[in-house]
Amino acid sequence: MLYHSTNNPSHRVDLKDAILRSLPPDNGLYMPDALPVLGDDFWKIWRHLSFTEIGISVADAFFGEDVPPQAIVDIVEGTLEFDAPLVALGPGDHILELFHGPTLAFKDFGARFMARLMAWLTRGEDQLLTVLVATSGDTGGAVASAFHNVPGTRVIILYPKGKVSGLQEKQLTALGGNITALEVDGSFDDCQALVKSAFLDRELSASLNLTSANSINLSRLVPQSFYYIHAARQLPEGVKPVFVVPSGNFGNLTAGLLAMKLGLPVEHFIAATNRNDVVPEFLKCGIYQPRPSVATISNAMDVGAPSNFVRMQALFGGSWDGMKSMISGIAFTDDETRA
């Protein structure tokens, strides 16, 4: 399968370049040339499949042209060593528990899959892979855990000074070995801008063999779509879920949209943000205005210029009407979050 830039569809690369180079030279994001769809054979039996079997089917749909079946099985089984149970809160309301991984963050799913896929893509190579990642809290810990002591890799994590929790900072800084965490005197948006500028410097990117572990990397998003299908299959037959997704860089919601494009019946998505409400405002008025992030108590969601917004636009063909018909936005203050 080939992958193109959201900024320039004529710029196309293979899977290895899309995953290991992460960011196109035109500052877009990579998307598959043709979005896969899971066929009728899958949807006839999906409610009877295990979480791992769902993951294998989805990973094969996206990567099966380039990655052999046994490698996909090994990657998915190594990723899904913990469950994501759907817990009833009341009539018609459920919560999907995504905190059972090693760093207690939903990003464990994507980071573990990405580490294993990258290891397969670089098998037999002698060049050190430098994984560069910006974090607003959760991503860095998940990536550090997933890549710790993985041969042939070094990880450099940029995090904003004073804007991650004490536990998150310990997850970033305590492992050592091939993990280096650097505190940046700025916001997450500043960290993300530094990462993007490093990738756009083609000489630097090539000399350091840079790759990204942020959700700009497609291999972070695809495994997060596994648990949308896993959650929906546990609902009564005929019920189309409304997914409420806490959102910062909008990778998690984009993964839900990928699950929908695969054929998952979905009623609606609700993008829930903190005061960094760029996308909810866009859904109301049709004007996208990224701005500097505002610090809140939900620091992992403090993103003023969400990277995956361009993928969301691409999935709806650039249609504001199409996007707002499927996604609603809501923003919460710190007081509302505490309540």
C-alpha atoms as a PDB file:
ATOM      1  CA  MET A   1       0.000   0.000   0.000  1.00  0.00           C
ATOM      2  CA  LEU A   2       1.138   3.539  -0.725  1.00  0.00           C
ATOM      3  CA  TYR A   3       0.657   6.566   1.518  1.00  0.00           C
ATOM      4  CA  HIS A   4       0.248  10.199   0.500  1.00  0.00           C
ATOM      5  CA  SER A   5       0.646  13.564   2.201  1.00  0.00           C
ATOM      6  CA  THR A   6      -2.494  15.413   3.254  1.00  0.00           C
ATOM      7  CA  ASN A   7      -0.888  18.542   1.770  1.00  0.00           C
ATOM      8  CA  ASN A   8       0.132  16.978  -1.533  1.00  0.00           C
ATOM      9  CA  PRO A   9      -1.568  13.767  -2.711  1.00  0.00           C
ATOM     10  CA  SER A  10       1.065  13.354  -5.427  1.00  0.00           C
ATOM     11  CA  HIS A  11       3.745  12.861  -2.751  1.00  0.00           C
ATOM     12  CA  ARG A  12       3.520   9.110  -2.149  1.00  0.00           C
ATOM     13  CA  VAL A  13       5.706   6.700  -0.190  1.00  0.00           C
ATOM     14  CA  ASP A  14       5.680   3.058   0.876  1.00  0.00           C
ATOM     15  CA  LEU A  15       4.870   1.764   4.364  1.00  0.00           C
ATOM     16  CA  LYS A  16       8.452   1.821   5.615  1.00  0.00           C
ATOM     17  CA  ASP A  17       8.940   5.473   4.688  1.00  0.00           C
ATOM     18  CA  ALA A  18       5.513   6.486   6.033  1.00  0.00           C
ATOM     19  CA  ILE A  19       6.224   4.915   9.431  1.00  0.00           C
ATOM     20  CA  LEU A  20       9.947   5.548   9.836  1.00  0.00           C
ATOM     21  CA  ARG A  21      10.056   9.027   8.249  1.00  0.00           C
ATOM     22  CA  SER A  22       6.740   9.938   9.937  1.00  0.00           C
ATOM     23  CA  LEU A  23       6.282  13.424   8.452  1.00  0.00           C
ATOM     24  CA  PRO A  24       6.171  14.376   4.753  1.00  0.00           C
ATOM     25  CA  PRO A  25       8.576  17.116   3.626  1.00  0.00           C
ATOM     26  CA  ASP A  26       5.607  19.448   2.967  1.00  0.00           C
ATOM     27  CA  ASN A  27       4.534  19.376   6.654  1.00  0.00           C
ATOM     28  CA  GLY A  28       1.384  17.351   5.951  1.00  0.00           C
ATOM     29  CA  LEU A  29       0.560  13.979   7.495  1.00  0.00           C
ATOM     30  CA  TYR A  30       0.547  10.580   5.835  1.00  0.00           C
ATOM     31  CA  MET A  31      -2.722   8.838   4.958  1.00  0.00           C
ATOM     32  CA  PRO A  32      -3.315   5.569   3.070  1.00  0.00           C
ATOM     33  CA  ASP A  33      -3.972   6.051  -0.629  1.00  0.00           C
ATOM     34  CA  ALA A  34      -7.086   3.908  -0.205  1.00  0.00           C
ATOM     35  CA  LEU A  35      -8.724   3.446   3.190  1.00  0.00           C
ATOM     36  CA  PRO A  36      -9.276  -0.267   3.829  1.00  0.00           C
ATOM     37  CA  VAL A  37     -12.702  -1.681   4.610  1.00  0.00           C
ATOM     38  CA  LEU A  38     -13.287  -4.850   6.600  1.00  0.00           C
ATOM     39  CA  GLY A  39     -15.431  -7.155   4.496  1.00  0.00           C
ATOM     40  CA  ASP A  40     -18.710  -8.919   5.163  1.00  0.00           C
ATOM     41  CA  ASP A  41     -16.895 -12.028   6.409  1.00  0.00           C
ATOM     42  CA  PHE A  42     -15.521  -9.981   9.317  1.00  0.00           C
ATOM     43  CA  TRP A  43     -18.751  -8.172  10.182  1.00  0.00           C
ATOM     44  CA  LYS A  44     -20.715 -11.437  10.200  1.00  0.00           C
ATOM     45  CA  ILE A  45     -18.621 -12.711  13.131  1.00  0.00           C
ATOM     46  CA  TRP A  46     -17.120  -9.601  14.747  1.00  0.00           C
ATOM     47  CA  ARG A  47     -19.192  -9.826  17.923  1.00  0.00           C
ATOM     48  CA  HIS A  48     -17.730 -13.271  18.602  1.00  0.00           C
ATOM     49  CA  LEU A  49     -14.081 -12.300  18.117  1.00  0.00           C
ATOM     50  CA  SER A  50     -11.571 -11.666  20.881  1.00  0.00           C
ATOM     51  CA  PHE A  51      -9.814  -8.322  21.296  1.00  0.00           C
ATOM     52  CA  THR A  52      -6.664  -9.857  19.800  1.00  0.00           C
ATOM     53  CA  GLU A  53      -8.542 -11.327  16.826  1.00  0.00           C
ATOM     54  CA  ILE A  54     -10.076  -7.910  16.115  1.00  0.00           C
ATOM     55  CA  GLY A  55      -6.632  -6.323  16.312  1.00  0.00           C
ATOM     56  CA  ILE A  56      -5.147  -8.855  13.903  1.00  0.00           C
ATOM     57  CA  SER A  57      -7.954  -8.272  11.389  1.00  0.00           C
ATOM     58  CA  VAL A  58      -7.595  -4.475  11.529  1.00  0.00           C
ATOM     59  CA  ALA A  59      -3.787  -4.545  11.370  1.00  0.00           C
ATOM     60  CA  ASP A  60      -3.939  -6.914   8.411  1.00  0.00           C
ATOM     61  CA  ALA A  61      -6.399  -4.615   6.612  1.00  0.00           C
ATOM     62  CA  PHE A  62      -4.000  -1.676   6.955  1.00  0.00           C
ATOM     63  CA  PHE A  63      -0.609  -3.352   6.732  1.00  0.00           C
ATOM     64  CA  GLY A  64      -1.176  -6.839   5.299  1.00  0.00           C
ATOM     65  CA  GLU A  65       0.128  -5.908   1.844  1.00  0.00           C
ATOM     66  CA  ASP A  66       3.559  -5.218   3.339  1.00  0.00           C
ATOM     67  CA  VAL A  67       3.770  -7.226   6.573  1.00  0.00           C
ATOM     68  CA  PRO A  68       3.390 -11.038   6.515  1.00  0.00           C
ATOM     69  CA  PRO A  69       0.566 -12.674   8.498  1.00  0.00           C
ATOM     70  CA  GLN A  70       2.718 -14.207  11.246  1.00  0.00           C
ATOM     71  CA  ALA A  71       4.505 -10.910  11.854  1.00  0.00           C
ATOM     72  CA  ILE A  72       1.136  -9.165  12.229  1.00  0.00           C
ATOM     73  CA  VAL A  73       0.010 -11.821  14.709  1.00  0.00           C
ATOM     74  CA  ASP A  74       3.221 -11.430  16.726  1.00  0.00           C
ATOM     75  CA  ILE A  75       2.982  -7.616  16.736  1.00  0.00           C
ATOM     76  CA  VAL A  76      -0.666  -7.576  17.834  1.00  0.00           C
ATOM     77  CA  GLU A  77      -0.264 -10.291  20.463  1.00  0.00           C
ATOM     78  CA  GLY A  78       2.720  -8.429  21.910  1.00  0.00           C
ATOM     79  CA  THR A  79       0.679  -5.228  21.967  1.00  0.00           C
ATOM     80  CA  LEU A  80      -2.532  -6.515  23.531  1.00  0.00           C
ATOM     81  CA  GLU A  81      -1.177  -8.139  26.674  1.00  0.00           C
ATOM     82  CA  PHE A  82      -3.851  -6.336  28.707  1.00  0.00           C
ATOM     83  CA  ASP A  83      -7.591  -5.857  28.223  1.00  0.00           C
ATOM     84  CA  ALA A  84      -9.798  -2.816  27.667  1.00  0.00           C
ATOM     85  CA  PRO A  85     -12.994  -3.768  29.532  1.00  0.00           C
ATOM     86  CA  LEU A  86     -16.279  -2.000  28.861  1.00  0.00           C
ATOM     87  CA  VAL A  87     -17.918  -1.200  32.209  1.00  0.00           C
ATOM     88  CA  ALA A  88     -21.588  -0.248  32.596  1.00  0.00           C
ATOM     89  CA  LEU A  89     -22.229   3.022  34.443  1.00  0.00           C
ATOM     90  CA  GLY A  90     -25.997   2.995  34.124  1.00  0.00           C
ATOM     91  CA  PRO A  91     -28.727   2.319  31.559  1.00  0.00           C
ATOM     92  CA  GLY A  92     -27.232   3.085  28.157  1.00  0.00           C
ATOM     93  CA  ASP A  93     -23.982   4.507  29.575  1.00  0.00           C
ATOM     94  CA  HIS A  94     -20.636   2.723  29.593  1.00  0.00           C
ATOM     95  CA  ILE A  95     -16.993   3.588  30.080  1.00  0.00           C
ATOM     96  CA  LEU A  96     -14.157   1.896  28.215  1.00  0.00           C
ATOM     97  CA  GLU A  97     -11.269   1.379  30.618  1.00  0.00           C
ATOM     98  CA  LEU A  98      -8.050   2.115  28.754  1.00  0.00           C
ATOM     99  CA  PHE A  99      -5.766   2.370  31.787  1.00  0.00           C
ATOM    100  CA  HIS A 100      -4.733  -1.261  32.245  1.00  0.00           C
ATOM    101  CA  GLY A 101      -1.434  -0.936  30.369  1.00  0.00           C
ATOM    102  CA  PRO A 102       2.006  -0.481  31.950  1.00  0.00           C
ATOM    103  CA  THR A 103       1.826   3.350  32.111  1.00  0.00           C
ATOM    104  CA  LEU A 104      -1.922   3.561  32.863  1.00  0.00           C
ATOM    105  CA  ALA A 105      -2.561   5.555  29.657  1.00  0.00           C
ATOM    106  CA  PHE A 106      -4.591   4.690  26.563  1.00  0.00           C
ATOM    107  CA  LYS A 107      -1.478   5.511  24.552  1.00  0.00           C
ATOM    108  CA  ASP A 108       0.091   2.216  25.671  1.00  0.00           C
ATOM    109  CA  PHE A 109      -1.867   0.532  22.865  1.00  0.00           C
ATOM    110  CA  GLY A 110      -0.432   2.692  20.108  1.00  0.00           C
ATOM    111  CA  ALA A 111       3.095   2.956  21.513  1.00  0.00           C
ATOM    112  CA  ARG A 112       3.530  -0.798  21.984  1.00  0.00           C
ATOM    113  CA  PHE A 113       2.217  -1.574  18.502  1.00  0.00           C
ATOM    114  CA  MET A 114       4.431   1.104  16.960  1.00  0.00           C
ATOM    115  CA  ALA A 115       7.570  -0.146  18.727  1.00  0.00           C
ATOM    116  CA  ARG A 116       6.984  -3.674  17.471  1.00  0.00           C
ATOM    117  CA  LEU A 117       6.132  -2.611  13.916  1.00  0.00           C
ATOM    118  CA  MET A 118       9.221  -0.396  13.734  1.00  0.00           C
ATOM    119  CA  ALA A 119      11.378  -3.252  15.027  1.00  0.00           C
ATOM    120  CA  TRP A 120      10.031  -5.458  12.232  1.00  0.00           C
ATOM    121  CA  LEU A 121      10.530  -2.780   9.558  1.00  0.00           C
ATOM    122  CA  THR A 122      14.166  -2.266  10.612  1.00  0.00           C
ATOM    123  CA  ARG A 123      15.051  -5.936  11.173  1.00  0.00           C
ATOM    124  CA  GLY A 124      18.552  -6.776   9.999  1.00  0.00           C
ATOM    125  CA  GLU A 125      19.601  -3.133   9.730  1.00  0.00           C
ATOM    126  CA  ASP A 126      22.630  -1.748  11.528  1.00  0.00           C
ATOM    127  CA  GLN A 127      21.655   1.938  11.785  1.00  0.00           C
ATOM    128  CA  LEU A 128      20.433   3.374  15.082  1.00  0.00           C
ATOM    129  CA  LEU A 129      16.829   4.629  14.939  1.00  0.00           C
ATOM    130  CA  THR A 130      16.209   7.890  16.828  1.00  0.00           C
ATOM    131  CA  VAL A 131      12.628   8.203  18.086  1.00  0.00           C
ATOM    132  CA  LEU A 132      11.759  11.862  18.711  1.00  0.00           C
ATOM    133  CA  VAL A 133       8.553  12.630  20.586  1.00  0.00           C
ATOM    134  CA  ALA A 134       6.818  15.629  22.141  1.00  0.00           C
ATOM    135  CA  THR A 135       4.543  14.982  25.094  1.00  0.00           C
ATOM    136  CA  SER A 136       1.927  16.895  27.031  1.00  0.00           C
ATOM    137  CA  GLY A 137       1.871  14.148  29.639  1.00  0.00           C
ATOM    138  CA  ASP A 138       0.789  10.642  28.652  1.00  0.00           C
ATOM    139  CA  THR A 139       2.530  10.012  25.330  1.00  0.00           C
ATOM    140  CA  GLY A 140       6.077  10.266  26.649  1.00  0.00           C
ATOM    141  CA  GLY A 141       5.587   7.687  29.383  1.00  0.00           C
ATOM    142  CA  ALA A 142       3.896   5.231  27.041  1.00  0.00           C
ATOM    143  CA  VAL A 143       6.614   5.634  24.405  1.00  0.00           C
ATOM    144  CA  ALA A 144       9.402   5.351  26.979  1.00  0.00           C
ATOM    145  CA  SER A 145       7.904   2.128  28.327  1.00  0.00           C
ATOM    146  CA  ALA A 146       7.311   0.659  24.859  1.00  0.00           C
ATOM    147  CA  PHE A 147      10.812   1.391  23.524  1.00  0.00           C
ATOM    148  CA  HIS A 148      12.863   0.906  26.709  1.00  0.00           C
ATOM    149  CA  ASN A 149      15.825  -1.364  25.922  1.00  0.00           C
ATOM    150  CA  VAL A 150      14.542  -2.113  22.405  1.00  0.00           C
ATOM    151  CA  PRO A 151      17.758  -2.847  20.470  1.00  0.00           C
ATOM    152  CA  GLY A 152      18.740  -0.374  17.758  1.00  0.00           C
ATOM    153  CA  THR A 153      16.650   2.508  19.133  1.00  0.00           C
ATOM    154  CA  ARG A 154      17.158   5.619  21.204  1.00  0.00           C
ATOM    155  CA  VAL A 155      14.268   7.788  22.373  1.00  0.00           C
ATOM    156  CA  ILE A 156      14.354  11.560  22.933  1.00  0.00           C
ATOM    157  CA  ILE A 157      11.303  13.001  24.702  1.00  0.00           C
ATOM    158  CA  LEU A 158      10.534  16.733  24.837  1.00  0.00           C
ATOM    159  CA  TYR A 159       8.138  17.832  27.581  1.00  0.00           C
ATOM    160  CA  PRO A 160       6.986  21.300  28.729  1.00  0.00           C
ATOM    161  CA  LYS A 161       8.481  22.586  31.966  1.00  0.00           C
ATOM    162  CA  GLY A 162       6.033  22.575  34.858  1.00  0.00           C
ATOM    163  CA  LYS A 163       3.155  21.295  32.731  1.00  0.00           C
ATOM    164  CA  VAL A 164       3.213  17.543  33.369  1.00  0.00           C
ATOM    165  CA  SER A 165       2.248  15.811  36.606  1.00  0.00           C
ATOM    166  CA  GLY A 166       4.801  14.444  39.054  1.00  0.00           C
ATOM    167  CA  LEU A 167       3.930  10.854  38.126  1.00  0.00           C
ATOM    168  CA  GLN A 168       4.183  11.621  34.420  1.00  0.00           C
ATOM    169  CA  GLU A 169       7.599  13.243  34.872  1.00  0.00           C
ATOM    170  CA  LYS A 170       8.854  10.180  36.747  1.00  0.00           C
ATOM    171  CA  GLN A 171       7.626   7.933  33.914  1.00  0.00           C
ATOM    172  CA  LEU A 172       9.578  10.091  31.451  1.00  0.00           C
ATOM    173  CA  THR A 173      12.809  10.419  33.385  1.00  0.00           C
ATOM    174  CA  ALA A 174      13.268   7.304  35.529  1.00  0.00           C
ATOM    175  CA  LEU A 175      14.001   4.576  32.972  1.00  0.00           C
ATOM    176  CA  GLY A 176      17.387   5.725  31.662  1.00  0.00           C
ATOM    177  CA  GLY A 177      19.175   3.455  29.225  1.00  0.00           C
ATOM    178  CA  ASN A 178      18.114   4.365  25.697  1.00  0.00           C
ATOM    179  CA  ILE A 179      15.521   6.899  26.974  1.00  0.00           C
ATOM    180  CA  THR A 180      16.433  10.611  27.263  1.00  0.00           C
ATOM    181  CA  ALA A 181      13.878  13.164  28.495  1.00  0.00           C
ATOM    182  CA  LEU A 182      14.465  16.885  27.919  1.00  0.00           C
ATOM    183  CA  GLU A 183      12.498  19.593  29.727  1.00  0.00           C
ATOM    184  CA  VAL A 184      11.538  22.493  27.435  1.00  0.00           C
ATOM    185  CA  ASP A 185      10.887  25.990  28.781  1.00  0.00           C
ATOM    186  CA  GLY A 186       7.629  26.387  26.871  1.00  0.00           C
ATOM    187  CA  SER A 187       4.298  24.744  26.066  1.00  0.00           C
ATOM    188  CA  PHE A 188       3.455  21.418  24.446  1.00  0.00           C
ATOM    189  CA  ASP A 189       2.854  23.304  21.212  1.00  0.00           C
ATOM    190  CA  ASP A 190       6.466  24.528  21.423  1.00  0.00           C
ATOM    191  CA  CYS A 191       7.671  20.952  21.927  1.00  0.00           C
ATOM    192  CA  GLN A 192       5.584  19.768  18.988  1.00  0.00           C
ATOM    193  CA  ALA A 193       6.932  22.587  16.800  1.00  0.00           C
ATOM    194  CA  LEU A 194      10.508  21.558  17.654  1.00  0.00           C
ATOM    195  CA  VAL A 195       9.767  17.974  16.639  1.00  0.00           C
ATOM    196  CA  LYS A 196       8.194  19.035  13.353  1.00  0.00           C
ATOM    197  CA  SER A 197      11.060  21.398  12.546  1.00  0.00           C
ATOM    198  CA  ALA A 198      13.554  18.587  13.141  1.00  0.00           C
ATOM    199  CA  PHE A 199      11.729  16.389  10.640  1.00  0.00           C
ATOM    200  CA  LEU A 200      11.510  19.163   8.078  1.00  0.00           C
ATOM    201  CA  ASP A 201      15.308  19.536   8.264  1.00  0.00           C
ATOM    202  CA  ARG A 202      15.985  16.722   5.813  1.00  0.00           C
ATOM    203  CA  GLU A 203      19.739  16.668   6.475  1.00  0.00           C
ATOM    204  CA  LEU A 204      19.263  16.413  10.239  1.00  0.00           C
ATOM    205  CA  SER A 205      16.478  13.861   9.874  1.00  0.00           C
ATOM    206  CA  ALA A 206      18.595  11.649   7.622  1.00  0.00           C
ATOM    207  CA  SER A 207      21.790  11.898   9.675  1.00  0.00           C
ATOM    208  CA  LEU A 208      20.022  10.969  12.931  1.00  0.00           C
ATOM    209  CA  ASN A 209      17.626   8.488  11.271  1.00  0.00           C
ATOM    210  CA  LEU A 210      14.722  10.299  12.924  1.00  0.00           C
ATOM    211  CA  THR A 211      11.255   8.897  13.399  1.00  0.00           C
ATOM    212  CA  SER A 212       8.332  10.191  15.448  1.00  0.00           C
ATOM    213  CA  ALA A 213       6.302   8.458  18.122  1.00  0.00           C
ATOM    214  CA  ASN A 214       3.602  11.124  18.280  1.00  0.00           C
ATOM    215  CA  SER A 215       0.199  10.522  16.752  1.00  0.00           C
ATOM    216  CA  ILE A 216       1.465  12.175  13.573  1.00  0.00           C
ATOM    217  CA  ASN A 217       2.789   8.632  13.009  1.00  0.00           C
ATOM    218  CA  LEU A 218       0.104   6.452  11.437  1.00  0.00           C
ATOM    219  CA  SER A 219       1.279   3.376  13.345  1.00  0.00           C
ATOM    220  CA  ARG A 220       0.137   5.087  16.564  1.00  0.00           C
ATOM    221  CA  LEU A 221      -3.403   5.605  15.275  1.00  0.00           C
ATOM    222  CA  VAL A 222      -4.268   2.256  13.710  1.00  0.00           C
ATOM    223  CA  PRO A 223      -3.992   0.169  16.921  1.00  0.00           C
ATOM    224  CA  GLN A 224      -6.169   2.670  18.772  1.00  0.00           C
ATOM    225  CA  SER A 225      -8.974   1.803  16.349  1.00  0.00           C
ATOM    226  CA  PHE A 226      -8.895  -1.767  17.718  1.00  0.00           C
ATOM    227  CA  TYR A 227     -10.617  -0.817  20.953  1.00  0.00           C
ATOM    228  CA  TYR A 228     -13.462   1.085  19.310  1.00  0.00           C
ATOM    229  CA  ILE A 229     -14.536  -2.129  17.601  1.00  0.00           C
ATOM    230  CA  HIS A 230     -13.804  -4.122  20.769  1.00  0.00           C
ATOM    231  CA  ALA A 231     -16.052  -1.765  22.771  1.00  0.00           C
ATOM    232  CA  ALA A 232     -18.915  -1.726  20.268  1.00  0.00           C
ATOM    233  CA  ARG A 233     -19.054  -5.513  19.995  1.00  0.00           C
ATOM    234  CA  GLN A 234     -19.871  -5.716  23.719  1.00  0.00           C
ATOM    235  CA  LEU A 235     -23.043  -3.643  23.300  1.00  0.00           C
ATOM    236  CA  PRO A 236     -26.427  -5.227  22.532  1.00  0.00           C
ATOM    237  CA  GLU A 237     -26.867  -6.123  18.889  1.00  0.00           C
ATOM    238  CA  GLY A 238     -28.318  -3.270  16.862  1.00  0.00           C
ATOM    239  CA  VAL A 239     -27.056  -0.528  19.192  1.00  0.00           C
ATOM    240  CA  LYS A 240     -24.942   2.062  17.381  1.00  0.00           C
ATOM    241  CA  PRO A 241     -22.618   3.704  19.898  1.00  0.00           C
ATOM    242  CA  VAL A 242     -22.079   7.383  20.549  1.00  0.00           C
ATOM    243  CA  PHE A 243     -18.398   7.699  21.479  1.00  0.00           C
ATOM    244  CA  VAL A 244     -17.400  10.524  23.832  1.00  0.00           C
ATOM    245  CA  VAL A 245     -13.662  11.039  23.369  1.00  0.00           C
ATOM    246  CA  PRO A 246     -11.461  13.243  25.597  1.00  0.00           C
ATOM    247  CA  SER A 247      -9.353  15.077  23.024  1.00  0.00           C
ATOM    248  CA  GLY A 248      -6.097  17.014  22.845  1.00  0.00           C
ATOM    249  CA  ASN A 249      -4.080  16.273  19.717  1.00  0.00           C
ATOM    250  CA  PHE A 250      -7.138  14.392  18.351  1.00  0.00           C
ATOM    251  CA  GLY A 251      -5.312  11.160  17.557  1.00  0.00           C
ATOM    252  CA  ASN A 252      -7.763   9.096  19.611  1.00  0.00           C
ATOM    253  CA  LEU A 253     -10.826  10.523  17.901  1.00  0.00           C
ATOM    254  CA  THR A 254      -9.165  10.096  14.504  1.00  0.00           C
ATOM    255  CA  ALA A 255      -8.621   6.428  15.364  1.00  0.00           C
ATOM    256  CA  GLY A 256     -12.356   6.157  16.023  1.00  0.00           C
ATOM    257  CA  LEU A 257     -13.041   7.657  12.607  1.00  0.00           C
ATOM    258  CA  LEU A 258     -10.727   5.048  11.071  1.00  0.00           C
ATOM    259  CA  ALA A 259     -12.767   2.328  12.804  1.00  0.00           C
ATOM    260  CA  MET A 260     -15.922   3.846  11.324  1.00  0.00           C
ATOM    261  CA  LYS A 261     -14.344   3.898   7.863  1.00  0.00           C
ATOM    262  CA  LEU A 262     -13.483   0.213   8.312  1.00  0.00           C
ATOM    263  CA  GLY A 263     -17.225  -0.406   8.566  1.00  0.00           C
ATOM    264  CA  LEU A 264     -18.008  -0.068  12.282  1.00  0.00           C
ATOM    265  CA  PRO A 265     -21.586   1.195  12.771  1.00  0.00           C
ATOM    266  CA  VAL A 266     -21.302   4.448  14.770  1.00  0.00           C
ATOM    267  CA  GLU A 267     -24.091   6.878  15.627  1.00  0.00           C
ATOM    268  CA  HIS A 268     -21.941   9.877  16.546  1.00  0.00           C
ATOM    269  CA  PHE A 269     -18.714  11.131  18.120  1.00  0.00           C
ATOM    270  CA  ILE A 270     -18.433  13.814  20.792  1.00  0.00           C
ATOM    271  CA  ALA A 271     -15.050  15.535  21.039  1.00  0.00           C
ATOM    272  CA  ALA A 272     -14.596  16.613  24.661  1.00  0.00           C
ATOM    273  CA  THR A 273     -11.826  19.145  25.302  1.00  0.00           C
ATOM    274  CA  ASN A 274     -10.687  21.385  28.101  1.00  0.00           C
ATOM    275  CA  ARG A 275     -10.374  25.154  27.557  1.00  0.00           C
ATOM    276  CA  ASN A 276      -8.237  24.422  24.492  1.00  0.00           C
ATOM    277  CA  ASP A 277     -11.385  24.297  22.391  1.00  0.00           C
ATOM    278  CA  VAL A 278     -10.093  24.905  18.855  1.00  0.00           C
ATOM    279  CA  VAL A 279     -11.965  21.941  17.347  1.00  0.00           C
ATOM    280  CA  PRO A 280     -15.290  22.440  19.214  1.00  0.00           C
ATOM    281  CA  GLU A 281     -15.233  26.056  18.005  1.00  0.00           C
ATOM    282  CA  PHE A 282     -14.556  24.890  14.440  1.00  0.00           C
ATOM    283  CA  LEU A 283     -17.500  22.500  14.623  1.00  0.00           C
ATOM    284  CA  LYS A 284     -19.741  25.413  15.655  1.00  0.00           C
ATOM    285  CA  CYS A 285     -18.649  28.049  13.142  1.00  0.00           C
ATOM    286  CA  GLY A 286     -16.583  26.353  10.437  1.00  0.00           C
ATOM    287  CA  ILE A 287     -13.473  28.458  11.110  1.00  0.00           C
ATOM    288  CA  TYR A 288     -10.303  26.700  12.268  1.00  0.00           C
ATOM    289  CA  GLN A 289      -8.153  28.995  14.395  1.00  0.00           C
ATOM    290  CA  PRO A 290      -5.238  27.254  16.143  1.00  0.00           C
ATOM    291  CA  ARG A 291      -3.805  29.277  18.990  1.00  0.00           C
ATOM    292  CA  PRO A 292      -1.321  28.949  21.855  1.00  0.00           C
ATOM    293  CA  SER A 293      -2.384  26.318  24.356  1.00  0.00           C
ATOM    294  CA  VAL A 294      -3.789  27.254  27.764  1.00  0.00           C
ATOM    295  CA  ALA A 295      -2.609  25.394  30.874  1.00  0.00           C
ATOM    296  CA  THR A 296      -5.342  23.365  32.612  1.00  0.00           C
ATOM    297  CA  ILE A 297      -5.566  20.613  35.222  1.00  0.00           C
ATOM    298  CA  SER A 298      -6.048  18.086  32.377  1.00  0.00           C
ATOM    299  CA  ASN A 299      -2.566  18.858  31.085  1.00  0.00           C
ATOM    300  CA  ALA A 300      -2.333  15.925  28.667  1.00  0.00           C
ATOM    301  CA  MET A 301      -5.081  17.630  26.634  1.00  0.00           C
ATOM    302  CA  ASP A 302      -3.476  21.089  26.558  1.00  0.00           C
ATOM    303  CA  VAL A 303      -3.075  21.378  22.786  1.00  0.00           C
ATOM    304  CA  GLY A 304      -3.858  24.550  20.864  1.00  0.00           C
ATOM    305  CA  ALA A 305      -2.909  23.302  17.399  1.00  0.00           C
ATOM    306  CA  PRO A 306      -3.993  19.642  17.166  1.00  0.00           C
ATOM    307  CA  SER A 307      -1.948  17.816  14.539  1.00  0.00           C
ATOM    308  CA  ASN A 308      -4.576  15.263  13.592  1.00  0.00           C
ATOM    309  CA  PHE A 309      -7.148  17.856  12.589  1.00  0.00           C
ATOM    310  CA  VAL A 310      -5.825  17.626   9.010  1.00  0.00           C
ATOM    311  CA  ARG A 311      -6.504  13.877   9.026  1.00  0.00           C
ATOM    312  CA  MET A 312     -10.020  14.492  10.306  1.00  0.00           C
ATOM    313  CA  GLN A 313     -10.573  16.907   7.433  1.00  0.00           C
ATOM    314  CA  ALA A 314      -9.196  14.384   4.955  1.00  0.00           C
ATOM    315  CA  LEU A 315     -11.530  11.664   6.230  1.00  0.00           C
ATOM    316  CA  PHE A 316     -14.500  13.934   5.485  1.00  0.00           C
ATOM    317  CA  GLY A 317     -13.148  15.165   2.164  1.00  0.00           C
ATOM    318  CA  GLY A 318     -12.721  18.662   3.589  1.00  0.00           C
ATOM    319  CA  SER A 319     -16.464  18.981   4.228  1.00  0.00           C
ATOM    320  CA  TRP A 320     -17.403  20.972   7.341  1.00  0.00           C
ATOM    321  CA  ASP A 321     -21.013  19.821   6.995  1.00  0.00           C
ATOM    322  CA  GLY A 322     -19.880  16.212   6.791  1.00  0.00           C
ATOM    323  CA  MET A 323     -17.676  16.527   9.855  1.00  0.00           C
ATOM    324  CA  LYS A 324     -20.212  18.327  12.046  1.00  0.00           C
ATOM    325  CA  SER A 325     -22.919  15.814  11.095  1.00  0.00           C
ATOM    326  CA  MET A 326     -20.765  13.076  12.642  1.00  0.00           C
ATOM    327  CA  ILE A 327     -18.855  14.942  15.366  1.00  0.00           C
ATOM    328  CA  SER A 328     -20.019  17.363  18.050  1.00  0.00           C
ATOM    329  CA  GLY A 329     -17.664  19.305  20.285  1.00  0.00           C
ATOM    330  CA  ILE A 330     -17.886  20.314  23.915  1.00  0.00           C
ATOM    331  CA  ALA A 331     -15.358  22.132  26.109  1.00  0.00           C
ATOM    332  CA  PHE A 332     -15.001  22.072  29.904  1.00  0.00           C
ATOM    333  CA  THR A 333     -13.449  24.506  32.365  1.00  0.00           C
ATOM    334  CA  ASP A 334     -11.249  23.265  35.212  1.00  0.00           C
ATOM    335  CA  ASP A 335     -14.140  23.697  37.657  1.00  0.00           C
ATOM    336  CA  GLU A 336     -16.397  21.590  35.444  1.00  0.00           C
ATOM    337  CA  THR A 337     -13.658  18.977  35.129  1.00  0.00           C
ATOM    338  CA  ARG A 338     -13.293  18.779  38.914  1.00  0.00           C
ATOM    339  CA  ALA A 339     -17.047  18.437  39.317  1.00  0.00           C
END
